[in-house]
Amino acid sequence: MKPIKVPRKPRKCPKCGKTTVVKILYGMPTEESLQLADEGKLVIGGCCITEKNPDWACTNCKVEYIKVK
């Protein structure tokens, strides 16, 4: 599924209505970022970084969002 384009981080996920939209972290994760991911406060996005990578994701329904400029 393609990321949904949004002007800013959604407070609530438009798909499921939950307030579980968090930042996606790219690059090598630290121990702290792995802990935050386990707590559902962050999503680990991998090491390949492009301009088309989504910025946020809903930890409940897995929908991803990308910021439009």
Protein backbone atom coordinates (compact mmCIF):
# COMPACT_ATOMS: atom_id res chain seq x y z
CA MET A 1 0.00 0.00 0.00
CA LYS A 2 1.26 3.47 -0.86
CA PRO A 3 1.74 5.94 2.00
CA ILE A 4 -1.06 8.47 2.48
CA LYS A 5 0.03 12.05 1.74
CA VAL A 6 -0.58 14.49 4.60
CA PRO A 7 0.59 18.06 5.36
CA ARG A 8 1.60 17.15 8.95
CA LYS A 9 1.60 14.22 11.36
CA PRO A 10 -1.98 13.09 12.00
CA ARG A 11 -3.13 13.23 15.63
CA LYS A 12 -5.41 10.28 14.94
CA CYS A 13 -5.16 7.67 12.23
CA PRO A 14 -7.84 8.46 9.61
CA LYS A 15 -8.23 4.73 8.88
CA CYS A 16 -8.68 3.22 12.37
CA GLY A 17 -9.25 6.34 14.51
CA LYS A 18 -6.55 5.44 17.06
CA THR A 19 -3.99 7.92 18.38
CA THR A 20 -1.15 5.52 17.59
CA VAL A 21 0.59 7.40 14.75
CA VAL A 22 4.34 7.54 15.47
CA LYS A 23 7.57 8.58 13.74
CA ILE A 24 9.40 6.11 11.52
CA LEU A 25 13.13 5.93 12.28
CA TYR A 26 15.53 5.10 9.45
CA GLY A 27 19.15 4.01 9.76
CA MET A 28 20.88 1.87 12.37
CA PRO A 29 18.68 1.70 15.50
CA THR A 30 20.15 2.28 18.95
CA GLU A 31 19.20 0.32 22.07
CA GLU A 32 17.00 3.27 23.10
CA SER A 33 15.19 3.33 19.75
CA LEU A 34 14.64 -0.46 19.90
CA GLN A 35 13.11 -0.03 23.36
CA LEU A 36 10.83 2.77 22.07
CA ALA A 37 9.79 0.52 19.17
CA ASP A 38 8.94 -2.28 21.63
CA GLU A 39 6.79 0.21 23.56
CA GLY A 40 4.95 1.27 20.38
CA LYS A 41 6.37 4.81 20.48
CA LEU A 42 8.46 4.47 17.32
CA VAL A 43 8.59 2.35 14.16
CA ILE A 44 11.92 1.08 12.82
CA GLY A 45 11.97 1.75 9.07
CA GLY A 46 15.18 0.11 7.89
CA CYS A 47 18.49 1.42 6.62
CA CYS A 48 17.60 2.46 3.05
CA ILE A 49 16.64 6.12 3.04
CA THR A 50 14.98 7.86 0.08
CA GLU A 51 12.78 10.92 -0.41
CA LYS A 52 9.80 8.61 -0.93
CA ASN A 53 10.04 6.95 2.49
CA PRO A 54 7.03 7.52 4.74
CA ASP A 55 7.50 9.76 7.80
CA TRP A 56 4.92 8.26 10.19
CA ALA A 57 3.00 5.02 10.68
CA CYS A 58 0.03 3.85 12.71
CA THR A 59 1.15 1.10 15.07
CA ASN A 60 -2.42 -0.23 15.21
CA CYS A 61 -3.36 -0.69 11.53
CA LYS A 62 0.09 -0.21 9.92
CA VAL A 63 -1.00 2.59 7.55
CA GLU A 64 1.94 4.82 6.63
CA TYR A 65 1.95 8.57 6.03
CA ILE A 66 4.29 10.82 4.07
CA LYS A 67 4.56 14.58 4.52
CA VAL A 68 3.80 16.63 1.42
CA LYS A 69 5.55 19.94 1.03
